[in-house]
Protein backbone atom coordinates (compact mmCIF):
# COMPACT_ATOMS: atom_id res chain seq x y z
CA MET A 1 -7.19 21.08 22.85
CA LYS A 2 -7.83 24.82 23.11
CA TYR A 3 -5.59 25.33 20.07
CA ARG A 4 -7.90 23.35 17.77
CA LEU A 5 -10.37 25.77 16.21
CA SER A 6 -8.32 28.96 16.34
CA THR A 7 -5.24 27.27 14.95
CA LEU A 8 -7.20 25.56 12.20
CA LEU A 9 -8.47 28.96 11.05
CA LEU A 10 -4.90 30.25 11.06
CA ILE A 11 -3.77 27.23 9.05
CA ILE A 12 -6.50 27.79 6.46
CA LEU A 13 -5.65 31.50 6.29
CA ALA A 14 -1.97 30.74 5.88
CA ILE A 15 -2.74 28.16 3.20
CA SER A 16 -4.60 30.77 1.16
CA VAL A 17 -1.40 32.77 0.71
CA PHE A 18 1.04 29.90 0.89
CA SER A 19 3.35 29.11 -2.01
CA CYS A 20 4.52 25.52 -1.98
CA LYS A 21 7.79 26.41 -3.69
CA LYS A 22 10.14 27.69 -0.96
CA SER A 23 12.98 30.05 -1.70
CA ASN A 24 16.53 28.69 -1.46
CA LYS A 25 17.09 30.78 1.67
CA GLN A 26 13.96 29.37 3.36
CA GLN A 27 14.99 25.82 2.48
CA GLN A 28 18.48 26.38 3.88
CA GLN A 29 17.03 27.80 7.11
CA GLN A 30 14.68 24.83 7.52
CA GLN A 31 17.52 22.39 6.86
CA GLN A 32 19.66 24.12 9.49
CA VAL A 33 16.86 23.92 12.07
CA THR A 34 16.17 20.27 11.22
CA GLN A 35 19.85 19.36 11.48
CA THR A 36 20.14 21.16 14.82
CA VAL A 37 17.27 19.12 16.24
CA LYS A 38 18.67 15.87 14.81
CA ASP A 39 22.04 16.57 16.40
CA THR A 40 20.42 16.94 19.83
CA SER A 41 20.62 13.56 21.56
CA VAL A 42 19.19 14.57 24.97
CA LEU A 43 15.78 13.37 26.12
CA ILE A 44 12.80 15.73 25.87
CA THR A 45 12.85 18.27 28.71
CA ASP A 46 9.67 19.78 30.16
CA GLU A 47 10.24 22.89 28.03
CA LYS A 48 10.75 20.86 24.85
CA PHE A 49 7.78 18.68 25.77
CA SER A 50 5.62 21.81 25.98
CA GLU A 51 6.91 23.10 22.64
CA ALA A 52 6.35 19.74 20.96
CA ARG A 53 2.85 19.51 22.41
CA GLN A 54 1.98 22.93 20.96
CA ILE A 55 3.12 21.72 17.53
CA VAL A 56 1.08 18.53 17.52
CA TYR A 57 -2.03 20.21 18.90
CA SER A 58 -1.77 22.79 16.13
CA LEU A 59 -2.43 20.00 13.64
CA PRO A 60 -5.95 19.53 12.30
CA SER A 61 -7.86 16.53 13.65
CA PRO A 62 -8.64 13.58 11.33
CA GLN A 63 -12.15 14.94 10.91
CA GLU A 64 -10.87 18.38 9.96
CA VAL A 65 -8.40 16.92 7.45
CA SER A 66 -11.19 15.08 5.66
CA SER A 67 -13.38 18.18 5.61
CA ILE A 68 -10.61 20.45 4.33
CA ILE A 69 -9.52 18.13 1.54
CA LEU A 70 -12.59 16.13 0.59
CA ASP A 71 -15.45 18.61 0.77
CA GLN A 72 -15.00 19.52 -2.89
CA LYS A 73 -17.38 19.40 -5.83
CA GLY A 74 -16.97 16.82 -8.56
CA ILE A 75 -16.01 13.78 -6.46
CA ASN A 76 -18.05 10.71 -5.54
CA PHE A 77 -17.91 8.09 -2.80
CA ASP A 78 -15.64 5.12 -3.51
CA ALA A 79 -16.38 2.21 -1.17
CA THR A 80 -13.04 0.53 -1.92
CA LEU A 81 -10.96 3.34 -0.40
CA PRO A 82 -11.67 3.29 3.38
CA ASN A 83 -9.79 0.83 5.56
CA ARG A 84 -11.80 -2.35 6.07
CA SER A 85 -13.54 -2.44 9.44
CA ASP A 86 -13.12 -6.24 9.69
CA LYS A 87 -9.34 -5.81 10.05
CA VAL A 88 -9.68 -4.16 13.44
CA ASN A 89 -8.98 -7.26 15.55
CA LYS A 90 -5.67 -7.85 13.76
CA TYR A 91 -4.08 -4.64 15.04
CA ALA A 92 -2.15 -5.94 18.03
CA THR A 93 0.31 -3.15 18.89
CA ASP A 94 -0.23 0.39 20.19
CA LEU A 95 1.48 1.74 17.07
CA ALA A 96 -0.91 -0.07 14.71
CA ARG A 97 -3.94 0.69 16.86
CA ALA A 98 -3.25 4.41 17.18
CA LEU A 99 -2.44 4.93 13.49
CA ASN A 100 -5.52 3.02 12.38
CA LEU A 101 -7.74 4.77 14.91
CA GLY A 102 -6.78 7.96 13.09
CA ILE A 103 -7.38 6.29 9.75
CA TYR A 104 -10.82 5.04 10.76
CA SER A 105 -11.67 8.49 12.13
CA ALA A 106 -10.86 10.11 8.77
CA ASP A 107 -12.81 7.38 6.99
CA ILE A 108 -15.85 8.06 9.19
CA SER A 109 -15.78 11.69 8.09
CA TYR A 110 -15.39 10.59 4.47
CA ALA A 111 -18.43 8.30 4.75
CA THR A 112 -20.40 11.04 6.51
CA ILE A 113 -19.65 13.61 3.80
CA PHE A 114 -21.23 11.25 1.27
CA ASP A 115 -24.15 10.15 3.51
CA GLN A 116 -22.95 6.53 3.76
CA LYS A 117 -24.73 5.48 6.95
CA GLN A 118 -23.71 1.83 7.20
CA PHE A 119 -20.10 2.63 6.38
CA ALA A 120 -19.99 5.27 9.09
CA VAL A 121 -21.52 2.97 11.73
CA ASN A 122 -19.21 0.03 10.87
CA LEU A 123 -16.16 2.27 11.01
CA MET A 124 -17.25 3.80 14.31
CA THR A 125 -17.58 0.34 15.83
CA ALA A 126 -14.08 -0.53 14.64
CA ALA A 127 -12.70 2.77 15.94
CA ARG A 128 -14.31 2.16 19.33
CA LYS A 129 -12.67 -1.27 19.52
CA LEU A 130 -9.21 0.19 18.84
CA ALA A 131 -9.80 2.96 21.35
CA GLU A 132 -10.75 0.45 24.04
CA ASN A 133 -7.57 -1.54 23.33
CA LEU A 134 -5.58 1.69 23.72
CA GLY A 135 -7.24 2.42 27.05
CA ILE A 136 -9.38 5.28 25.71
CA LEU A 137 -12.69 3.90 26.87
CA ASP A 138 -14.91 6.83 25.89
CA TYR A 139 -13.77 7.47 22.30
CA PHE A 140 -17.23 6.53 21.02
CA THR A 141 -20.11 5.49 23.27
CA GLN A 142 -22.79 3.11 22.04
CA GLU A 143 -25.27 5.95 22.45
CA GLU A 144 -23.26 8.07 20.02
CA ILE A 145 -23.00 5.24 17.51
CA ASP A 146 -26.79 4.75 17.70
CA LYS A 147 -27.33 8.49 17.32
CA ILE A 148 -25.21 8.60 14.16
CA GLU A 149 -27.08 5.58 12.78
CA ASN A 150 -30.33 7.48 13.28
CA ASN A 151 -29.13 10.92 12.18
CA VAL A 152 -26.50 10.29 9.53
CA THR A 153 -28.22 12.65 7.08
CA ASN A 154 -27.67 15.53 9.51
CA LYS A 155 -24.00 16.16 8.71
CA ASP A 156 -23.56 18.95 11.24
CA GLU A 157 -24.81 16.79 14.10
CA VAL A 158 -22.70 13.82 13.01
CA THR A 159 -19.60 16.01 12.74
CA GLU A 160 -20.25 17.39 16.22
CA ILE A 161 -20.54 13.88 17.68
CA ILE A 162 -17.31 12.76 16.02
CA SER A 163 -15.43 15.89 17.09
CA GLU A 164 -16.62 15.67 20.70
CA ALA A 165 -15.61 12.01 20.92
CA TYR A 166 -12.19 12.81 19.52
CA MET A 167 -11.64 15.76 21.87
CA ARG A 168 -12.61 13.71 24.94
CA SER A 169 -10.01 11.10 24.10
CA ASP A 170 -7.51 13.79 23.15
CA ALA A 171 -7.88 15.35 26.59
CA ARG A 172 -7.47 11.96 28.29
CA LEU A 173 -4.23 11.33 26.42
CA GLN A 174 -2.91 14.77 27.36
CA GLU A 175 -3.68 14.17 31.03
CA ASP A 176 -1.86 10.83 30.92
CA ARG A 177 1.07 12.36 29.00
CA ARG A 178 0.53 9.83 26.23
CA ASP A 179 1.15 12.46 23.60
CA ASP A 180 2.82 9.96 21.31
CA ILE A 181 -0.45 8.02 21.04
CA GLY A 182 -2.37 11.23 20.40
CA ALA A 183 0.16 12.22 17.75
CA LEU A 184 -0.08 8.82 16.03
CA ILE A 185 -3.86 9.17 15.83
CA LEU A 186 -3.45 12.59 14.20
CA ILE A 187 -0.79 11.32 11.80
CA GLY A 188 -2.89 8.33 10.79
CA GLY A 189 -5.86 10.61 10.13
CA TRP A 190 -3.78 13.07 8.12
CA VAL A 191 -2.25 10.32 5.98
CA GLU A 192 -5.68 8.79 5.34
CA GLY A 193 -7.14 12.15 4.34
CA MET A 194 -4.27 12.63 1.89
CA TYR A 195 -4.66 9.07 0.60
CA LEU A 196 -8.38 9.49 -0.02
CA ALA A 197 -7.83 12.79 -1.76
CA THR A 198 -5.04 11.59 -4.06
CA GLN A 199 -7.02 8.48 -4.98
CA LEU A 200 -10.15 10.50 -5.68
CA ALA A 201 -8.01 12.72 -7.92
CA HIS A 202 -6.81 9.53 -9.64
CA CYS A 203 -3.23 10.76 -9.14
CA ASN A 204 -3.87 13.09 -12.08
CA ALA A 205 -2.62 16.62 -11.50
CA SER A 206 -5.13 18.10 -13.95
CA ALA A 207 -8.18 15.89 -13.27
CA ASN A 208 -9.62 18.06 -10.47
CA VAL A 209 -7.71 21.30 -9.96
CA LYS A 210 -9.50 22.15 -6.71
CA ILE A 211 -8.78 18.87 -4.94
CA VAL A 212 -5.18 18.78 -6.24
CA SER A 213 -4.68 22.32 -4.96
CA SER A 214 -6.08 21.26 -1.56
CA ILE A 215 -3.63 18.37 -1.49
CA MET A 216 -0.69 20.63 -2.28
CA GLU A 217 -1.81 23.12 0.37
CA GLN A 218 -1.26 20.42 2.97
CA GLN A 219 2.50 20.95 2.69
CA LEU A 220 2.07 23.41 5.56
CA THR A 221 0.58 20.70 7.78
CA LEU A 222 3.30 18.31 6.66
CA ALA A 223 5.93 20.82 7.78
CA LEU A 224 4.32 20.82 11.24
CA LEU A 225 4.43 17.02 11.29
CA VAL A 226 8.13 17.05 10.42
CA ASP A 227 8.84 19.55 13.19
CA PHE A 228 6.95 17.43 15.70
CA LEU A 229 8.68 14.19 14.69
CA ASN A 230 12.04 15.92 14.98
CA TYR A 231 11.21 16.89 18.55
CA TYR A 232 10.32 13.29 19.32
CA HIS A 233 13.19 11.60 17.51
CA ASN A 234 13.97 9.56 20.65
CA ASN A 235 10.42 8.21 20.99
CA LYS A 236 10.34 4.57 19.86
CA LEU A 237 6.82 4.63 18.44
CA LEU A 238 7.20 7.89 16.54
CA SER A 239 10.69 7.12 15.28
CA GLU A 240 9.32 4.02 13.51
CA ILE A 241 7.23 6.15 11.16
CA SER A 242 9.44 9.23 10.81
CA LYS A 243 11.48 8.29 7.76
CA ASP A 244 8.53 7.86 5.41
CA ILE A 245 7.06 11.20 6.54
CA PHE A 246 10.42 12.92 6.04
CA ASP A 247 10.68 11.38 2.57
CA LEU A 248 7.21 12.70 1.71
CA ASP A 249 8.19 16.18 2.89
CA LYS A 250 11.26 16.07 0.64
CA ILE A 251 9.13 15.09 -2.35
CA PHE A 252 6.76 17.98 -1.66
CA GLN A 253 9.67 20.40 -1.43
CA GLU A 254 11.11 19.19 -4.72
CA ALA A 255 7.81 19.46 -6.61
CA ASN A 256 7.49 22.04 -9.39
CA THR A 257 4.44 24.17 -8.62
CA ASP A 258 2.70 27.29 -9.88
CA ILE A 259 -0.40 29.35 -9.07
CA ASP A 260 -3.20 29.92 -11.57
CA ASP A 261 -5.34 33.07 -11.86
CA GLU A 262 -7.86 31.70 -9.36
CA GLY A 263 -5.21 31.00 -6.73
CA ASN A 264 -5.13 27.23 -7.21
CA ILE A 265 -1.80 25.49 -6.75
CA LEU A 266 -0.76 23.66 -9.90
CA VAL A 267 1.82 20.87 -9.81
CA ASP A 268 3.80 19.00 -12.43
CA GLN A 269 2.20 15.61 -13.23
CA LYS A 270 5.40 13.65 -12.64
CA ASP A 271 5.90 15.29 -9.25
CA PHE A 272 2.26 14.73 -8.30
CA GLN A 273 2.57 11.04 -9.11
CA ARG A 274 5.61 10.84 -6.83
CA ILE A 275 3.55 12.41 -4.05
CA CYS A 276 0.67 9.98 -4.65
CA LYS A 277 3.01 6.99 -4.67
CA GLN A 278 4.66 7.97 -1.38
CA ILE A 279 1.34 8.66 0.33
CA ALA A 280 -0.02 5.28 -0.83
CA LYS A 281 3.16 3.58 0.41
CA ILE A 282 2.80 5.16 3.86
CA ARG A 283 -0.90 4.43 4.09
CA ASP A 284 -0.50 0.80 2.99
CA SER A 285 2.19 0.27 5.62
CA TYR A 286 -0.23 1.55 8.30
CA VAL A 287 -3.32 -0.46 7.34
CA ASN A 288 -1.25 -3.62 6.86
CA MET A 289 0.53 -3.33 10.21
CA LEU A 290 -1.02 -6.66 11.28
């Protein structure tokens, strides 16, 4: 948990100078590392567990993903995009619950950014239900839900409540060595943030240059996800979602990109549509895991 803020700043700094088009040499090196990990069939040792933990806790939280991608000018709230809160009781497995807890967490931030009080409260109630089913009893307290209902216009206070609730549960999962559940929450939140962003950009590479650039900058976070999933290739829960994430990473790597005079990442429309389609496919598989 101590990695959160400092690492997020490093990620943002790295993103500002990051070119999404890797050199052939860099791609070959990454492929060699990936293949080496895939060829390793032993279970995670304490050393590898520690390394993998550092990777996943370097990832931004669902709240941070939404803030990084969605806090852009020129976009409006779309009530059809968040996952429906009335689906919460249909998530019957730990995999579905953890992924959708991350999704709801990102959706709460999305609703908060646009001052949608009732949306935020409904989503928090759904998130709390999933957390209870996962054995994370203090993800959101009723007091915190009431506080958000009464102070939703104070974005800083709402963000603080959401972040504190997430970090409490994050710490509990670390103590119980349930890192796979913590990772699934992060992955669900990241995918939802990307889904919201691509939909708000209407899958049009030139519709909103700033938000499209923010989406393309997330290739760095995606690379961290791929590294983490490679470490945990023997984990049953994480292995079930790995292929789609790996496919998305490949699509990002193959995309034709450029940088404009203002430092925005530009991407070919056809490649951007491929990215949007894969993100929507992953997200749909998560929210419909009933």
